[in-house]
Amino acid sequence: MRTRFGAEKTINKYAGLIPIIGIALALVIELALGLRGQDVFNPPHLILGLNIAIVGGVSFIVAYLSGKGYLATGSLTLLLITLSFIAIGIMDVISGWYANFAPNWAVTTAAIGLLLFSVLQIFGSFQASFRSVPIGSEHRKTRLTIACLVVFFLSVILSLLIGLNVFPIFFVNGVGVTLTDQIVYAVVIFLFSLNCALSEALF
């Protein structure tokens, strides 16, 4: 029985690599065939619709489930996961809206949203690593509500500041992303890698 469960655990552990390998192969095939974006289907509001349906929809479902888990257990890790998915859901929807008229704002919002998401995720992993004691059950709903509102308004304020050109330029039309965008994504990749390492150590 142990061997069987051990094999199932190994299969489940590496199942997440399937989409990564699939995307990598698709990119290699695209480059090999010389398809570099000359045929693009991008009608108005397509990115906004996709961000609402896919990123926003999935993020808010995960946030809802994590929030229920926090209410049941008091785990700070689940609370931080809830907040991270609220942040990425809101900022990606706003990024999709910006994409219709301001590509730089769209790229900047997506990058800052990922940065906020990765920071909250890494805090959640640290909480899990240190085996933090769950918070008492007497005010969990109030704490969850306040925390979600804080992250909601933080995400909206950051997006508004991007629209006011407070942040450096992340994308230039006809040129591509800037060094600022590359640095932000390098930090995001590092935080995600660290998050994966901590999760691997835990499970």
Protein backbone atom coordinates (compact mmCIF):
# COMPACT_ATOMS: atom_id res chain seq x y z
CA MET A 1 0.00 0.00 0.00
CA ARG A 2 2.82 2.39 0.82
CA THR A 3 4.40 1.77 -2.55
CA ARG A 4 1.13 2.50 -4.31
CA PHE A 5 0.50 5.73 -2.38
CA GLY A 6 4.13 6.72 -2.85
CA ALA A 7 3.80 6.27 -6.62
CA GLU A 8 0.55 8.31 -6.66
CA LYS A 9 2.22 11.09 -4.68
CA THR A 10 5.13 11.16 -7.15
CA ILE A 11 2.73 11.32 -10.12
CA ASN A 12 0.74 14.15 -8.51
CA LYS A 13 3.93 15.96 -7.64
CA TYR A 14 5.12 16.07 -11.25
CA ALA A 15 1.70 16.54 -12.88
CA GLY A 16 2.17 20.30 -12.60
CA LEU A 17 5.10 20.06 -15.02
CA ILE A 18 2.80 18.96 -17.87
CA PRO A 19 1.47 22.44 -18.78
CA ILE A 20 4.95 23.94 -18.39
CA ILE A 21 6.46 21.41 -20.79
CA GLY A 22 3.50 21.85 -23.13
CA ILE A 23 3.92 25.63 -23.27
CA ALA A 24 7.68 25.28 -23.81
CA LEU A 25 7.12 22.86 -26.70
CA ALA A 26 4.49 25.17 -28.22
CA LEU A 27 6.97 28.07 -28.13
CA VAL A 28 9.70 25.96 -29.72
CA ILE A 29 7.33 24.85 -32.50
CA GLU A 30 6.17 28.43 -33.05
CA LEU A 31 9.75 29.68 -33.42
CA ALA A 32 10.73 26.71 -35.61
CA LEU A 33 7.86 27.46 -37.99
CA GLY A 34 8.77 31.13 -38.09
CA LEU A 35 5.49 32.26 -36.52
CA ARG A 36 6.43 35.49 -34.79
CA GLY A 37 3.04 37.10 -34.30
CA GLN A 38 2.29 38.20 -37.84
CA ASP A 39 -1.19 36.66 -37.59
CA VAL A 40 -2.78 38.05 -34.43
CA PHE A 41 -6.44 37.82 -33.44
CA ASN A 42 -6.89 40.73 -31.05
CA PRO A 43 -10.33 42.35 -31.29
CA PRO A 44 -11.25 45.17 -28.88
CA HIS A 45 -11.74 44.12 -25.27
CA LEU A 46 -10.40 40.58 -25.91
CA ILE A 47 -7.70 40.88 -23.23
CA LEU A 48 -10.18 42.40 -20.78
CA GLY A 49 -12.64 39.57 -21.41
CA LEU A 50 -9.98 36.89 -21.01
CA ASN A 51 -8.61 38.48 -17.84
CA ILE A 52 -12.08 38.65 -16.31
CA ALA A 53 -13.06 35.12 -17.32
CA ILE A 54 -9.78 33.31 -16.67
CA VAL A 55 -7.47 35.19 -14.32
CA GLY A 56 -10.13 37.08 -12.40
CA GLY A 57 -12.57 34.16 -12.26
CA VAL A 58 -10.00 31.61 -11.12
CA SER A 59 -8.39 34.04 -8.67
CA PHE A 60 -11.65 34.90 -6.94
CA ILE A 61 -12.65 31.22 -6.71
CA VAL A 62 -9.30 30.36 -5.10
CA ALA A 63 -9.59 33.39 -2.81
CA TYR A 64 -13.09 32.29 -1.74
CA LEU A 65 -11.94 28.74 -0.97
CA SER A 66 -8.82 29.94 0.86
CA GLY A 67 -10.93 32.41 2.83
CA LYS A 68 -13.26 29.60 3.91
CA GLY A 69 -10.21 27.60 4.94
CA TYR A 70 -8.93 30.53 7.00
CA LEU A 71 -12.30 30.90 8.76
CA ALA A 72 -12.24 27.19 9.60
CA THR A 73 -8.62 26.93 10.75
CA GLY A 74 -7.32 30.42 11.52
CA SER A 75 -4.24 29.73 9.40
CA LEU A 76 -2.36 32.92 8.52
CA THR A 77 -0.98 31.11 5.48
CA LEU A 78 -4.49 30.66 4.09
CA LEU A 79 -5.30 34.30 4.88
CA LEU A 80 -2.25 35.49 2.93
CA ILE A 81 -3.10 33.17 0.02
CA THR A 82 -6.61 34.66 -0.01
CA LEU A 83 -5.22 38.19 -0.13
CA SER A 84 -2.71 37.35 -2.85
CA PHE A 85 -5.39 36.00 -5.19
CA ILE A 86 -7.65 38.98 -4.55
CA ALA A 87 -4.78 41.30 -5.48
CA ILE A 88 -3.83 39.49 -8.70
CA GLY A 89 -7.48 39.12 -9.73
CA ILE A 90 -8.25 42.83 -9.36
CA MET A 91 -5.03 44.11 -10.93
CA ASP A 92 -5.23 41.73 -13.90
CA VAL A 93 -8.79 42.82 -14.65
CA ILE A 94 -7.70 46.47 -14.51
CA SER A 95 -4.68 45.59 -16.68
CA GLY A 96 -7.04 44.13 -19.27
CA TRP A 97 -9.07 47.32 -19.25
CA TYR A 98 -5.93 49.47 -19.63
CA ALA A 99 -4.85 47.32 -22.60
CA ASN A 100 -7.59 48.90 -24.75
CA PHE A 101 -5.99 52.35 -24.75
CA ALA A 102 -2.70 52.41 -22.79
CA PRO A 103 -0.34 49.42 -23.35
CA ASN A 104 2.26 50.76 -20.91
CA TRP A 105 -0.33 51.03 -18.14
CA ALA A 106 -1.53 47.49 -18.91
CA VAL A 107 1.98 46.02 -18.78
CA THR A 108 2.84 47.99 -15.63
CA THR A 109 -0.34 46.95 -13.83
CA ALA A 110 0.21 43.28 -14.70
CA ALA A 111 3.83 43.43 -13.48
CA ILE A 112 3.01 45.24 -10.22
CA GLY A 113 0.10 42.86 -9.65
CA LEU A 114 2.39 39.85 -10.01
CA LEU A 115 4.92 41.45 -7.68
CA LEU A 116 2.26 42.03 -5.00
CA PHE A 117 0.96 38.48 -5.55
CA SER A 118 4.43 36.94 -5.17
CA VAL A 119 5.21 38.97 -2.03
CA LEU A 120 1.99 37.86 -0.31
CA GLN A 121 2.62 34.27 -1.42
CA ILE A 122 6.13 34.23 -0.02
CA PHE A 123 4.88 35.60 3.31
CA GLY A 124 2.36 32.77 3.32
CA SER A 125 5.12 30.22 2.71
CA PHE A 126 7.20 31.68 5.54
CA GLN A 127 4.20 31.42 7.85
CA ALA A 128 3.79 27.76 6.91
CA SER A 129 7.53 27.13 7.32
CA PHE A 130 7.59 28.55 10.84
CA ARG A 131 4.45 26.58 11.81
CA SER A 132 2.75 29.71 13.11
CA VAL A 133 -0.02 29.25 15.66
CA PRO A 134 -3.53 29.76 14.21
CA ILE A 135 -5.32 32.93 15.30
CA GLY A 136 -8.30 32.51 17.61
CA SER A 137 -11.75 32.03 16.12
CA GLU A 138 -13.53 34.91 17.87
CA HIS A 139 -12.88 37.62 15.25
CA ARG A 140 -11.78 35.70 12.14
CA LYS A 141 -14.59 36.95 9.93
CA THR A 142 -13.92 40.56 10.90
CA ARG A 143 -10.17 40.18 10.31
CA LEU A 144 -10.76 38.51 6.95
CA THR A 145 -13.16 41.26 5.86
CA ILE A 146 -10.79 44.06 6.89
CA ALA A 147 -7.77 42.37 5.28
CA CYS A 148 -9.65 41.80 2.00
CA LEU A 149 -10.82 45.42 1.92
CA VAL A 150 -7.28 46.66 2.57
CA VAL A 151 -5.88 44.57 -0.29
CA PHE A 152 -8.77 45.58 -2.56
CA PHE A 153 -8.16 49.29 -2.00
CA LEU A 154 -4.37 48.83 -2.20
CA SER A 155 -4.76 47.15 -5.61
CA VAL A 156 -7.09 49.87 -6.86
CA ILE A 157 -4.84 52.67 -5.56
CA LEU A 158 -1.75 51.11 -7.17
CA SER A 159 -3.65 50.82 -10.46
CA LEU A 160 -4.76 54.47 -10.24
CA LEU A 161 -1.20 55.59 -9.52
CA ILE A 162 -0.08 53.68 -12.62
CA GLY A 163 -2.72 55.59 -14.61
CA LEU A 164 -1.27 58.82 -13.24
CA ASN A 165 2.22 57.82 -14.53
CA VAL A 166 3.70 57.73 -11.04
CA PHE A 167 5.66 54.56 -11.85
CA PRO A 168 8.55 54.35 -14.33
CA ILE A 169 7.78 53.26 -17.89
CA PHE A 170 7.50 49.48 -18.26
CA PHE A 171 6.65 49.27 -21.95
CA VAL A 172 7.38 51.40 -25.03
CA ASN A 173 5.29 50.99 -28.18
CA GLY A 174 7.34 49.63 -31.06
CA VAL A 175 10.27 48.84 -28.76
CA GLY A 176 9.03 46.47 -26.07
CA VAL A 177 9.49 46.15 -22.34
CA THR A 178 12.00 48.30 -20.50
CA LEU A 179 14.71 47.38 -18.01
CA THR A 180 12.33 48.29 -15.17
CA ASP A 181 9.85 45.65 -16.30
CA GLN A 182 12.63 43.07 -16.63
CA ILE A 183 13.89 43.80 -13.10
CA VAL A 184 10.39 43.49 -11.63
CA TYR A 185 9.86 40.16 -13.37
CA ALA A 186 13.29 38.96 -12.22
CA VAL A 187 12.24 39.68 -8.62
CA VAL A 188 8.91 37.92 -9.20
CA ILE A 189 10.67 34.84 -10.63
CA PHE A 190 13.05 34.78 -7.66
CA LEU A 191 10.18 35.00 -5.17
CA PHE A 192 8.21 32.30 -6.97
CA SER A 193 11.30 30.05 -7.03
CA LEU A 194 11.85 30.61 -3.31
CA ASN A 195 8.17 29.93 -2.71
CA CYS A 196 8.43 26.63 -4.62
CA ALA A 197 11.52 25.64 -2.63
CA LEU A 198 9.77 26.33 0.68
CA SER A 199 6.68 24.43 -0.43
CA GLU A 200 8.84 21.48 -1.53
CA ALA A 201 10.51 21.45 1.88
CA LEU A 202 7.14 21.46 3.63
CA PHE A 203 5.41 18.78 1.56
